[in-house]
Each structure stands twice: as C-alpha cells, then as structure tokens.
Amino acid sequence: MLTDEPKLSPLEAFRARVRAGEFRKKPAPLKVVSVPVSDRMADAVRANPESLRLTANGADDVSVVERPISRFVTPVIHAVPAVDEDGRPIWPRAGAVHEYDPFERL
C-alpha cells in the first residue's frame, strides 16, 4: 500500500522510535539477599518458592515483613562444605592455576 508520507532515513527512523518511547531505561538492578538455611527450609523453598517471606528489624526497630518480588523468585540451593566465623559460605577454590605474573615485566 502506497502512502504520501516521506520515507525517513535510518537515523531519522531511529530518532522517531526513541521519541516514541520504544527504548526505555533499564530497570535498576535488584537487591539480592543470600543466607544459609537448614535442609528443612531449603526443601520447603524448593517445593513452594511463592511461600517465602522475609522478616527484618530496621534501624528504628520497626519490623519489616515482605515477600520477594514474585516473578524473580528462583531458589538456588547450594550445599556449602563450611562457613566462616561470620556465617558466610566458604566456597571451594577453583583448580585452574597459571603462571602469568602481571608484575614480572615491571
């Protein structure tokens, strides 16, 4: 079908798409909380991720209870061999070793 509208150059067509709002800013990255839990809790979250609730006390001692953003609930359960004194997981080191020393040429 022929129209009387002038044909836009590729650059003008792109600018028109930008003005129309086709390209939007990417959403801000999500915050992620990772905590060690018992086997029982891990099994429950794996079975029903939508049932997960988070509770914390703020700086003003007000309790905050929230659900995770439901479309992003992805249970990732790792068996960690050990934790440090702060409760953080100690991951096994990778076995790849190389002999490159970036300071050798200085």
PDB file of N, CA and C in Angstrom:
ATOM      1  N   MET A   1       0.838  -1.164   0.000  1.00  0.00           N
ATOM      2  CA  MET A   1       0.000   0.000   0.000  1.00  0.00           C
ATOM      3  C   MET A   1       0.895   1.242   0.000  1.00  0.00           C
ATOM      4  N   LEU A   2       0.657   2.121  -0.888  1.00  0.00           N
ATOM      5  CA  LEU A   2       1.452   3.328  -1.010  1.00  0.00           C
ATOM      6  C   LEU A   2       0.874   4.431  -0.137  1.00  0.00           C
ATOM      7  N   THR A   3       1.754   5.212   0.477  1.00  0.00           N
ATOM      8  CA  THR A   3       1.321   6.346   1.286  1.00  0.00           C
ATOM      9  C   THR A   3       2.017   7.594   0.790  1.00  0.00           C
ATOM     10  N   ASP A   4       1.468   8.735   1.185  1.00  0.00           N
ATOM     11  CA  ASP A   4       2.065  10.009   0.801  1.00  0.00           C
ATOM     12  C   ASP A   4       3.131  10.464   1.783  1.00  0.00           C
ATOM     13  N   GLU A   5       3.387   9.700   2.847  1.00  0.00           N
ATOM     14  CA  GLU A   5       4.377  10.084   3.851  1.00  0.00           C
ATOM     15  C   GLU A   5       5.781   9.929   3.268  1.00  0.00           C
ATOM     16  N   PRO A   6       6.657  10.905   3.547  1.00  0.00           N
ATOM     17  CA  PRO A   6       8.027  10.771   3.031  1.00  0.00           C
ATOM     18  C   PRO A   6       8.773   9.654   3.759  1.00  0.00           C
ATOM     19  N   LYS A   7       9.648   8.997   3.045  1.00  0.00           N
ATOM     20  CA  LYS A   7      10.441   7.923   3.644  1.00  0.00           C
ATOM     21  C   LYS A   7      11.540   8.544   4.507  1.00  0.00           C
ATOM     22  N   LEU A   8      11.674   8.036   5.746  1.00  0.00           N
ATOM     23  CA  LEU A   8      12.666   8.559   6.680  1.00  0.00           C
ATOM     24  C   LEU A   8      14.000   7.858   6.479  1.00  0.00           C
ATOM     25  N   SER A   9      15.058   8.608   6.698  1.00  0.00           N
ATOM     26  CA  SER A   9      16.380   7.990   6.674  1.00  0.00           C
ATOM     27  C   SER A   9      16.492   7.066   7.881  1.00  0.00           C
ATOM     28  N   PRO A  10      17.422   6.114   7.882  1.00  0.00           N
ATOM     29  CA  PRO A  10      17.549   5.220   9.035  1.00  0.00           C
ATOM     30  C   PRO A  10      17.783   5.971  10.341  1.00  0.00           C
ATOM     31  N   LEU A  11      18.562   7.058  10.290  1.00  0.00           N
ATOM     32  CA  LEU A  11      18.818   7.831  11.501  1.00  0.00           C
ATOM     33  C   LEU A  11      17.552   8.517  11.996  1.00  0.00           C
ATOM     34  N   GLU A  12      16.789   9.099  11.088  1.00  0.00           N
ATOM     35  CA  GLU A  12      15.540   9.747  11.479  1.00  0.00           C
ATOM     36  C   GLU A  12      14.519   8.723  11.980  1.00  0.00           C
ATOM     37  N   ALA A  13      14.495   7.542  11.370  1.00  0.00           N
ATOM     38  CA  ALA A  13      13.590   6.496  11.842  1.00  0.00           C
ATOM     39  C   ALA A  13      13.953   6.070  13.263  1.00  0.00           C
ATOM     40  N   PHE A  14      15.241   5.965  13.541  1.00  0.00           N
ATOM     41  CA  PHE A  14      15.689   5.616  14.887  1.00  0.00           C
ATOM     42  C   PHE A  14      15.293   6.702  15.881  1.00  0.00           C
ATOM     43  N   ARG A  15      15.520   7.969  15.512  1.00  0.00           N
ATOM     44  CA  ARG A  15      15.154   9.073  16.402  1.00  0.00           C
ATOM     45  C   ARG A  15      13.660   9.100  16.672  1.00  0.00           C
ATOM     46  N   ALA A  16      12.847   8.784  15.667  1.00  0.00           N
ATOM     47  CA  ALA A  16      11.402   8.734  15.866  1.00  0.00           C
ATOM     48  C   ALA A  16      11.025   7.628  16.847  1.00  0.00           C
ATOM     49  N   ARG A  17      11.708   6.489  16.756  1.00  0.00           N
ATOM     50  CA  ARG A  17      11.433   5.396  17.693  1.00  0.00           C
ATOM     51  C   ARG A  17      11.822   5.789  19.113  1.00  0.00           C
ATOM     52  N   VAL A  18      12.937   6.529  19.275  1.00  0.00           N
ATOM     53  CA  VAL A  18      13.360   6.987  20.597  1.00  0.00           C
ATOM     54  C   VAL A  18      12.342   7.969  21.151  1.00  0.00           C
ATOM     55  N   ARG A  19      11.880   8.914  20.333  1.00  0.00           N
ATOM     56  CA  ARG A  19      10.878   9.883  20.780  1.00  0.00           C
ATOM     57  C   ARG A  19       9.577   9.201  21.162  1.00  0.00           C
ATOM     58  N   ALA A  20       9.248   8.120  20.480  1.00  0.00           N
ATOM     59  CA  ALA A  20       8.012   7.392  20.776  1.00  0.00           C
ATOM     60  C   ALA A  20       8.121   6.574  22.063  1.00  0.00           C
ATOM     61  N   GLY A  21       9.315   6.502  22.618  1.00  0.00           N
ATOM     62  CA  GLY A  21       9.489   5.778  23.879  1.00  0.00           C
ATOM     63  C   GLY A  21       9.762   4.300  23.715  1.00  0.00           C
ATOM     64  N   GLU A  22      10.154   3.891  22.537  1.00  0.00           N
ATOM     65  CA  GLU A  22      10.414   2.468  22.320  1.00  0.00           C
ATOM     66  C   GLU A  22      11.617   1.983  23.126  1.00  0.00           C
ATOM     67  N   PHE A  23      12.594   2.846  23.330  1.00  0.00           N
ATOM     68  CA  PHE A  23      13.781   2.482  24.090  1.00  0.00           C
ATOM     69  C   PHE A  23      13.682   3.151  25.462  1.00  0.00           C
ATOM     70  N   ARG A  24      13.572   2.375  26.466  1.00  0.00           N
ATOM     71  CA  ARG A  24      13.446   2.896  27.827  1.00  0.00           C
ATOM     72  C   ARG A  24      14.692   2.553  28.623  1.00  0.00           C
ATOM     73  N   LYS A  25      14.851   3.249  29.743  1.00  0.00           N
ATOM     74  CA  LYS A  25      15.959   2.929  30.634  1.00  0.00           C
ATOM     75  C   LYS A  25      15.777   1.529  31.199  1.00  0.00           C
ATOM     76  N   LYS A  26      16.870   0.854  31.405  1.00  0.00           N
ATOM     77  CA  LYS A  26      16.803  -0.460  32.027  1.00  0.00           C
ATOM     78  C   LYS A  26      16.450  -0.284  33.497  1.00  0.00           C
ATOM     79  N   PRO A  27      15.698  -1.219  34.062  1.00  0.00           N
ATOM     80  CA  PRO A  27      15.370  -1.104  35.481  1.00  0.00           C
ATOM     81  C   PRO A  27      16.620  -1.232  36.340  1.00  0.00           C
ATOM     82  N   ALA A  28      16.553  -0.655  37.516  1.00  0.00           N
ATOM     83  CA  ALA A  28      17.682  -0.739  38.447  1.00  0.00           C
ATOM     84  C   ALA A  28      17.906  -2.199  38.830  1.00  0.00           C
ATOM     85  N   PRO A  29      19.146  -2.587  39.088  1.00  0.00           N
ATOM     86  CA  PRO A  29      19.396  -3.974  39.475  1.00  0.00           C
ATOM     87  C   PRO A  29      18.707  -4.297  40.797  1.00  0.00           C
ATOM     88  N   LEU A  30      18.274  -5.526  40.899  1.00  0.00           N
ATOM     89  CA  LEU A  30      17.590  -5.973  42.108  1.00  0.00           C
ATOM     90  C   LEU A  30      18.583  -6.239  43.221  1.00  0.00           C
ATOM     91  N   LYS A  31      18.134  -6.057  44.420  1.00  0.00           N
ATOM     92  CA  LYS A  31      18.943  -6.394  45.589  1.00  0.00           C
ATOM     93  C   LYS A  31      18.756  -7.883  45.866  1.00  0.00           C
ATOM     94  N   VAL A  32      19.822  -8.547  46.245  1.00  0.00           N
ATOM     95  CA  VAL A  32      19.781  -9.988  46.496  1.00  0.00           C
ATOM     96  C   VAL A  32      20.285 -10.250  47.898  1.00  0.00           C
ATOM     97  N   VAL A  33      19.549 -11.085  48.625  1.00  0.00           N
ATOM     98  CA  VAL A  33      19.950 -11.498  49.968  1.00  0.00           C
ATOM     99  C   VAL A  33      20.229 -12.992  49.912  1.00  0.00           C
ATOM    100  N   SER A  34      21.375 -13.384  50.422  1.00  0.00           N
ATOM    101  CA  SER A  34      21.750 -14.789  50.436  1.00  0.00           C
ATOM    102  C   SER A  34      22.056 -15.183  51.873  1.00  0.00           C
ATOM    103  N   VAL A  35      21.341 -16.156  52.379  1.00  0.00           N
ATOM    104  CA  VAL A  35      21.527 -16.577  53.773  1.00  0.00           C
ATOM    105  C   VAL A  35      21.608 -18.099  53.849  1.00  0.00           C
ATOM    106  N   PRO A  36      22.397 -18.607  54.790  1.00  0.00           N
ATOM    107  CA  PRO A  36      22.400 -20.056  54.992  1.00  0.00           C
ATOM    108  C   PRO A  36      21.132 -20.480  55.739  1.00  0.00           C
ATOM    109  N   VAL A  37      20.553 -21.593  55.310  1.00  0.00           N
ATOM    110  CA  VAL A  37      19.345 -22.120  55.946  1.00  0.00           C
ATOM    111  C   VAL A  37      19.506 -23.616  56.185  1.00  0.00           C
ATOM    112  N   SER A  38      18.587 -24.165  56.956  1.00  0.00           N
ATOM    113  CA  SER A  38      18.611 -25.600  57.242  1.00  0.00           C
ATOM    114  C   SER A  38      18.135 -26.392  56.022  1.00  0.00           C
ATOM    115  N   ASP A  39      18.362 -27.684  56.051  1.00  0.00           N
ATOM    116  CA  ASP A  39      17.893 -28.550  54.964  1.00  0.00           C
ATOM    117  C   ASP A  39      16.374 -28.513  54.858  1.00  0.00           C
ATOM    118  N   ARG A  40      15.718 -28.454  55.983  1.00  0.00           N
ATOM    119  CA  ARG A  40      14.245 -28.409  56.006  1.00  0.00           C
ATOM    120  C   ARG A  40      13.735 -27.158  55.287  1.00  0.00           C
ATOM    121  N   MET A  41      14.340 -26.003  55.589  1.00  0.00           N
ATOM    122  CA  MET A  41      13.935 -24.755  54.939  1.00  0.00           C
ATOM    123  C   MET A  41      14.238 -24.797  53.447  1.00  0.00           C
ATOM    124  N   ALA A  42      15.400 -25.310  53.071  1.00  0.00           N
ATOM    125  CA  ALA A  42      15.764 -25.393  51.658  1.00  0.00           C
ATOM    126  C   ALA A  42      14.779 -26.260  50.887  1.00  0.00           C
ATOM    127  N   ASP A  43      14.376 -27.376  51.469  1.00  0.00           N
ATOM    128  CA  ASP A  43      13.395 -28.249  50.816  1.00  0.00           C
ATOM    129  C   ASP A  43      12.050 -27.555  50.676  1.00  0.00           C
ATOM    130  N   ALA A  44      11.644 -26.787  51.693  1.00  0.00           N
ATOM    131  CA  ALA A  44      10.360 -26.083  51.640  1.00  0.00           C
ATOM    132  C   ALA A  44      10.368 -25.004  50.558  1.00  0.00           C
ATOM    133  N   VAL A  45      11.452 -24.259  50.457  1.00  0.00           N
ATOM    134  CA  VAL A  45      11.536 -23.212  49.436  1.00  0.00           C
ATOM    135  C   VAL A  45      11.598 -23.824  48.048  1.00  0.00           C
ATOM    136  N   ARG A  46      12.309 -24.922  47.919  1.00  0.00           N
ATOM    137  CA  ARG A  46      12.383 -25.599  46.625  1.00  0.00           C
ATOM    138  C   ARG A  46      10.994 -26.089  46.208  1.00  0.00           C
ATOM    139  N   ALA A  47      10.210 -26.593  47.164  1.00  0.00           N
ATOM    140  CA  ALA A  47       8.885 -27.121  46.861  1.00  0.00           C
ATOM    141  C   ALA A  47       7.874 -26.014  46.559  1.00  0.00           C
ATOM    142  N   ASN A  48       7.979 -24.876  47.263  1.00  0.00           N
ATOM    143  CA  ASN A  48       6.994 -23.817  47.094  1.00  0.00           C
ATOM    144  C   ASN A  48       7.674 -22.449  47.225  1.00  0.00           C
ATOM    145  N   PRO A  49       8.336 -21.947  46.180  1.00  0.00           N
ATOM    146  CA  PRO A  49       9.054 -20.681  46.282  1.00  0.00           C
ATOM    147  C   PRO A  49       8.156 -19.480  46.577  1.00  0.00           C
ATOM    148  N   GLU A  50       6.878 -19.539  46.200  1.00  0.00           N
ATOM    149  CA  GLU A  50       5.973 -18.419  46.424  1.00  0.00           C
ATOM    150  C   GLU A  50       5.631 -18.225  47.892  1.00  0.00           C
ATOM    151  N   SER A  51       5.884 -19.228  48.731  1.00  0.00           N
ATOM    152  CA  SER A  51       5.543 -19.117  50.151  1.00  0.00           C
ATOM    153  C   SER A  51       6.623 -18.408  50.968  1.00  0.00           C
ATOM    154  N   LEU A  52       7.727 -18.051  50.356  1.00  0.00           N
ATOM    155  CA  LEU A  52       8.843 -17.444  51.069  1.00  0.00           C
ATOM    156  C   LEU A  52       8.495 -16.045  51.562  1.00  0.00           C
ATOM    157  N   ARG A  53       8.812 -15.746  52.833  1.00  0.00           N
ATOM    158  CA  ARG A  53       8.629 -14.421  53.427  1.00  0.00           C
ATOM    159  C   ARG A  53       9.928 -14.021  54.106  1.00  0.00           C
ATOM    160  N   LEU A  54      10.240 -12.751  54.071  1.00  0.00           N
ATOM    161  CA  LEU A  54      11.454 -12.232  54.694  1.00  0.00           C
ATOM    162  C   LEU A  54      11.054 -11.291  55.818  1.00  0.00           C
ATOM    163  N   THR A  55      11.741 -11.390  56.954  1.00  0.00           N
ATOM    164  CA  THR A  55      11.475 -10.537  58.105  1.00  0.00           C
ATOM    165  C   THR A  55      12.787  -9.948  58.584  1.00  0.00           C
ATOM    166  N   ALA A  56      12.762  -8.645  58.894  1.00  0.00           N
ATOM    167  CA  ALA A  56      13.951  -7.976  59.413  1.00  0.00           C
ATOM    168  C   ALA A  56      13.511  -6.795  60.266  1.00  0.00           C
ATOM    169  N   ASN A  57      14.373  -6.400  61.199  1.00  0.00           N
ATOM    170  CA  ASN A  57      14.137  -5.208  62.000  1.00  0.00           C
ATOM    171  C   ASN A  57      14.992  -4.086  61.453  1.00  0.00           C
ATOM    172  N   GLY A  58      14.360  -2.937  61.202  1.00  0.00           N
ATOM    173  CA  GLY A  58      15.074  -1.788  60.678  1.00  0.00           C
ATOM    174  C   GLY A  58      15.865  -1.082  61.760  1.00  0.00           C
ATOM    175  N   ALA A  59      16.547  -0.010  61.381  1.00  0.00           N
ATOM    176  CA  ALA A  59      17.357   0.764  62.322  1.00  0.00           C
ATOM    177  C   ALA A  59      16.497   1.382  63.424  1.00  0.00           C
ATOM    178  N   ASP A  60      15.221   1.647  63.126  1.00  0.00           N
ATOM    179  CA  ASP A  60      14.322   2.230  64.111  1.00  0.00           C
ATOM    180  C   ASP A  60      13.502   1.175  64.848  1.00  0.00           C
ATOM    181  N   ASP A  61      13.951  -0.095  64.824  1.00  0.00           N
ATOM    182  CA  ASP A  61      13.306  -1.226  65.488  1.00  0.00           C
ATOM    183  C   ASP A  61      11.891  -1.508  64.995  1.00  0.00           C
ATOM    184  N   VAL A  62      11.590  -1.108  63.787  1.00  0.00           N
ATOM    185  CA  VAL A  62      10.309  -1.429  63.180  1.00  0.00           C
ATOM    186  C   VAL A  62      10.501  -2.682  62.341  1.00  0.00           C
ATOM    187  N   SER A  63       9.644  -3.676  62.567  1.00  0.00           N
ATOM    188  CA  SER A  63       9.745  -4.933  61.818  1.00  0.00           C
ATOM    189  C   SER A  63       9.247  -4.740  60.391  1.00  0.00           C
ATOM    190  N   VAL A  64       9.977  -5.313  59.465  1.00  0.00           N
ATOM    191  CA  VAL A  64       9.610  -5.272  58.054  1.00  0.00           C
ATOM    192  C   VAL A  64       9.401  -6.705  57.606  1.00  0.00           C
ATOM    193  N   VAL A  65       8.218  -6.989  57.056  1.00  0.00           N
ATOM    194  CA  VAL A  65       7.905  -8.318  56.542  1.00  0.00           C
ATOM    195  C   VAL A  65       7.524  -8.152  55.082  1.00  0.00           C
ATOM    196  N   GLU A  66       8.247  -8.816  54.207  1.00  0.00           N
ATOM    197  CA  GLU A  66       7.987  -8.701  52.774  1.00  0.00           C
ATOM    198  C   GLU A  66       8.082 -10.054  52.100  1.00  0.00           C
ATOM    199  N   ARG A  67       7.473 -10.106  50.942  1.00  0.00           N
ATOM    200  CA  ARG A  67       7.672 -11.227  50.043  1.00  0.00           C
ATOM    201  C   ARG A  67       8.714 -10.814  49.025  1.00  0.00           C
ATOM    202  N   PRO A  68       9.487 -11.742  48.524  1.00  0.00           N
ATOM    203  CA  PRO A  68      10.382 -11.394  47.418  1.00  0.00           C
ATOM    204  C   PRO A  68       9.557 -11.013  46.198  1.00  0.00           C
ATOM    205  N   ILE A  69      10.172 -10.318  45.268  1.00  0.00           N
ATOM    206  CA  ILE A  69       9.484  -9.980  44.025  1.00  0.00           C
ATOM    207  C   ILE A  69       9.174 -11.302  43.332  1.00  0.00           C
ATOM    208  N   SER A  70       7.895 -11.626  43.247  1.00  0.00           N
ATOM    209  CA  SER A  70       7.480 -12.988  42.884  1.00  0.00           C
ATOM    210  C   SER A  70       7.973 -13.444  41.524  1.00  0.00           C
ATOM    211  N   ARG A  71       8.075 -12.551  40.573  1.00  0.00           N
ATOM    212  CA  ARG A  71       8.493 -13.021  39.251  1.00  0.00           C
ATOM    213  C   ARG A  71       9.972 -13.350  39.198  1.00  0.00           C
ATOM    214  N   PHE A  72      10.715 -12.999  40.253  1.00  0.00           N
ATOM    215  CA  PHE A  72      12.140 -13.261  40.269  1.00  0.00           C
ATOM    216  C   PHE A  72      12.550 -14.294  41.317  1.00  0.00           C
ATOM    217  N   VAL A  73      11.597 -14.962  41.971  1.00  0.00           N
ATOM    218  CA  VAL A  73      11.958 -15.958  42.970  1.00  0.00           C
ATOM    219  C   VAL A  73      12.522 -17.176  42.254  1.00  0.00           C
ATOM    220  N   THR A  74      13.778 -17.419  42.468  1.00  0.00           N
ATOM    221  CA  THR A  74      14.446 -18.571  41.888  1.00  0.00           C
ATOM    222  C   THR A  74      15.247 -19.236  42.992  1.00  0.00           C
ATOM    223  N   PRO A  75      14.757 -20.336  43.529  1.00  0.00           N
ATOM    224  CA  PRO A  75      15.535 -20.981  44.580  1.00  0.00           C
ATOM    225  C   PRO A  75      16.815 -21.578  44.021  1.00  0.00           C
ATOM    226  N   VAL A  76      17.922 -21.103  44.529  1.00  0.00           N
ATOM    227  CA  VAL A  76      19.228 -21.625  44.161  1.00  0.00           C
ATOM    228  C   VAL A  76      19.815 -22.195  45.436  1.00  0.00           C
ATOM    229  N   ILE A  77      19.888 -23.482  45.502  1.00  0.00           N
ATOM    230  CA  ILE A  77      20.309 -24.148  46.730  1.00  0.00           C
ATOM    231  C   ILE A  77      21.634 -24.828  46.485  1.00  0.00           C
ATOM    232  N   HIS A  78      22.627 -24.416  47.247  1.00  0.00           N
ATOM    233  CA  HIS A  78      23.965 -24.977  47.150  1.00  0.00           C
ATOM    234  C   HIS A  78      24.302 -25.655  48.473  1.00  0.00           C
ATOM    235  N   ALA A  79      24.969 -26.760  48.385  1.00  0.00           N
ATOM    236  CA  ALA A  79      25.489 -27.409  49.588  1.00  0.00           C
ATOM    237  C   ALA A  79      26.908 -26.891  49.780  1.00  0.00           C
ATOM    238  N   VAL A  80      27.094 -26.072  50.799  1.00  0.00           N
ATOM    239  CA  VAL A  80      28.391 -25.473  51.073  1.00  0.00           C
ATOM    240  C   VAL A  80      29.112 -26.337  52.098  1.00  0.00           C
ATOM    241  N   PRO A  81      30.379 -26.683  51.853  1.00  0.00           N
ATOM    242  CA  PRO A  81      31.075 -27.579  52.782  1.00  0.00           C
ATOM    243  C   PRO A  81      31.355 -26.955  54.147  1.00  0.00           C
ATOM    244  N   ALA A  82      31.483 -25.623  54.216  1.00  0.00           N
ATOM    245  CA  ALA A  82      31.807 -24.996  55.502  1.00  0.00           C
ATOM    246  C   ALA A  82      31.426 -23.521  55.458  1.00  0.00           C
ATOM    247  N   VAL A  83      31.333 -22.915  56.645  1.00  0.00           N
ATOM    248  CA  VAL A  83      31.091 -21.484  56.757  1.00  0.00           C
ATOM    249  C   VAL A  83      32.158 -20.882  57.662  1.00  0.00           C
ATOM    250  N   ASP A  84      32.435 -19.581  57.497  1.00  0.00           N
ATOM    251  CA  ASP A  84      33.427 -18.930  58.359  1.00  0.00           C
ATOM    252  C   ASP A  84      32.775 -18.461  59.653  1.00  0.00           C
ATOM    253  N   GLU A  85      33.523 -17.725  60.487  1.00  0.00           N
ATOM    254  CA  GLU A  85      33.006 -17.328  61.801  1.00  0.00           C
ATOM    255  C   GLU A  85      31.842 -16.347  61.708  1.00  0.00           C
ATOM    256  N   ASP A  86      31.670 -15.679  60.545  1.00  0.00           N
ATOM    257  CA  ASP A  86      30.541 -14.770  60.354  1.00  0.00           C
ATOM    258  C   ASP A  86      29.357 -15.444  59.679  1.00  0.00           C
ATOM    259  N   GLY A  87      29.446 -16.730  59.418  1.00  0.00           N
ATOM    260  CA  GLY A  87      28.351 -17.462  58.791  1.00  0.00           C
ATOM    261  C   GLY A  87      28.341 -17.385  57.280  1.00  0.00           C
ATOM    262  N   ARG A  88      29.388 -16.829  56.676  1.00  0.00           N
ATOM    263  CA  ARG A  88      29.462 -16.758  55.223  1.00  0.00           C
ATOM    264  C   ARG A  88      29.996 -18.071  54.669  1.00  0.00           C
ATOM    265  N   PRO A  89      29.473 -18.504  53.512  1.00  0.00           N
ATOM    266  CA  PRO A  89      29.947 -19.779  52.951  1.00  0.00           C
ATOM    267  C   PRO A  89      31.394 -19.689  52.484  1.00  0.00           C
ATOM    268  N   ILE A  90      32.118 -20.768  52.684  1.00  0.00           N
ATOM    269  CA  ILE A  90      33.479 -20.895  52.170  1.00  0.00           C
ATOM    270  C   ILE A  90      33.384 -21.810  50.957  1.00  0.00           C
ATOM    271  N   TRP A  91      33.553 -21.213  49.776  1.00  0.00           N
ATOM    272  CA  TRP A  91      33.437 -21.981  48.542  1.00  0.00           C
ATOM    273  C   TRP A  91      34.767 -22.642  48.223  1.00  0.00           C
ATOM    274  N   PRO A  92      34.722 -23.843  47.681  1.00  0.00           N
ATOM    275  CA  PRO A  92      35.972 -24.494  47.273  1.00  0.00           C
ATOM    276  C   PRO A  92      36.650 -23.683  46.176  1.00  0.00           C
ATOM    277  N   ARG A  93      37.957 -23.642  46.209  1.00  0.00           N
ATOM    278  CA  ARG A  93      38.726 -22.887  45.218  1.00  0.00           C
ATOM    279  C   ARG A  93      38.741 -23.629  43.892  1.00  0.00           C
ATOM    280  N   ALA A  94      38.816 -22.870  42.830  1.00  0.00           N
ATOM    281  CA  ALA A  94      38.909 -23.474  41.503  1.00  0.00           C
ATOM    282  C   ALA A  94      40.281 -24.115  41.341  1.00  0.00           C
ATOM    283  N   GLY A  95      40.361 -25.151  40.547  1.00  0.00           N
ATOM    284  CA  GLY A  95      41.614 -25.872  40.382  1.00  0.00           C
ATOM    285  C   GLY A  95      42.520 -25.319  39.298  1.00  0.00           C
ATOM    286  N   ALA A  96      42.078 -24.294  38.564  1.00  0.00           N
ATOM    287  CA  ALA A  96      42.891 -23.764  37.481  1.00  0.00           C
ATOM    288  C   ALA A  96      44.002 -22.885  38.043  1.00  0.00           C
ATOM    289  N   VAL A  97      45.231 -23.148  37.631  1.00  0.00           N
ATOM    290  CA  VAL A  97      46.382 -22.372  38.076  1.00  0.00           C
ATOM    291  C   VAL A  97      47.199 -22.027  36.841  1.00  0.00           C
ATOM    292  N   HIS A  98      47.660 -20.794  36.783  1.00  0.00           N
ATOM    293  CA  HIS A  98      48.516 -20.410  35.666  1.00  0.00           C
ATOM    294  C   HIS A  98      49.722 -19.670  36.226  1.00  0.00           C
ATOM    295  N   GLU A  99      50.720 -19.527  35.398  1.00  0.00           N
ATOM    296  CA  GLU A  99      51.976 -18.946  35.853  1.00  0.00           C
ATOM    297  C   GLU A  99      52.158 -17.508  35.389  1.00  0.00           C
ATOM    298  N   TYR A 100      51.116 -16.875  34.914  1.00  0.00           N
ATOM    299  CA  TYR A 100      51.220 -15.491  34.448  1.00  0.00           C
ATOM    300  C   TYR A 100      51.356 -14.551  35.641  1.00  0.00           C
ATOM    301  N   ASP A 101      52.366 -13.710  35.605  1.00  0.00           N
ATOM    302  CA  ASP A 101      52.572 -12.713  36.649  1.00  0.00           C
ATOM    303  C   ASP A 101      52.589 -11.339  35.998  1.00  0.00           C
ATOM    304  N   PRO A 102      51.542 -10.508  36.190  1.00  0.00           N
ATOM    305  CA  PRO A 102      51.494  -9.236  35.517  1.00  0.00           C
ATOM    306  C   PRO A 102      52.579  -8.262  35.962  1.00  0.00           C
ATOM    307  N   PHE A 103      53.166  -8.465  37.123  1.00  0.00           N
ATOM    308  CA  PHE A 103      54.204  -7.570  37.622  1.00  0.00           C
ATOM    309  C   PHE A 103      55.614  -8.007  37.206  1.00  0.00           C
ATOM    310  N   GLU A 104      55.711  -9.124  36.539  1.00  0.00           N
ATOM    311  CA  GLU A 104      57.007  -9.649  36.147  1.00  0.00           C
ATOM    312  C   GLU A 104      57.750  -8.707  35.191  1.00  0.00           C
ATOM    313  N   ARG A 105      57.028  -8.019  34.324  1.00  0.00           N
ATOM    314  CA  ARG A 105      57.660  -7.167  33.314  1.00  0.00           C
ATOM    315  C   ARG A 105      58.034  -5.794  33.843  1.00  0.00           C
ATOM    316  N   LEU A 106      57.631  -5.457  35.050  1.00  0.00           N
ATOM    317  CA  LEU A 106      57.910  -4.125  35.591  1.00  0.00           C
ATOM    318  C   LEU A 106      59.330  -3.989  36.074  1.00  0.00           C
TER     319      LEU A 106
END
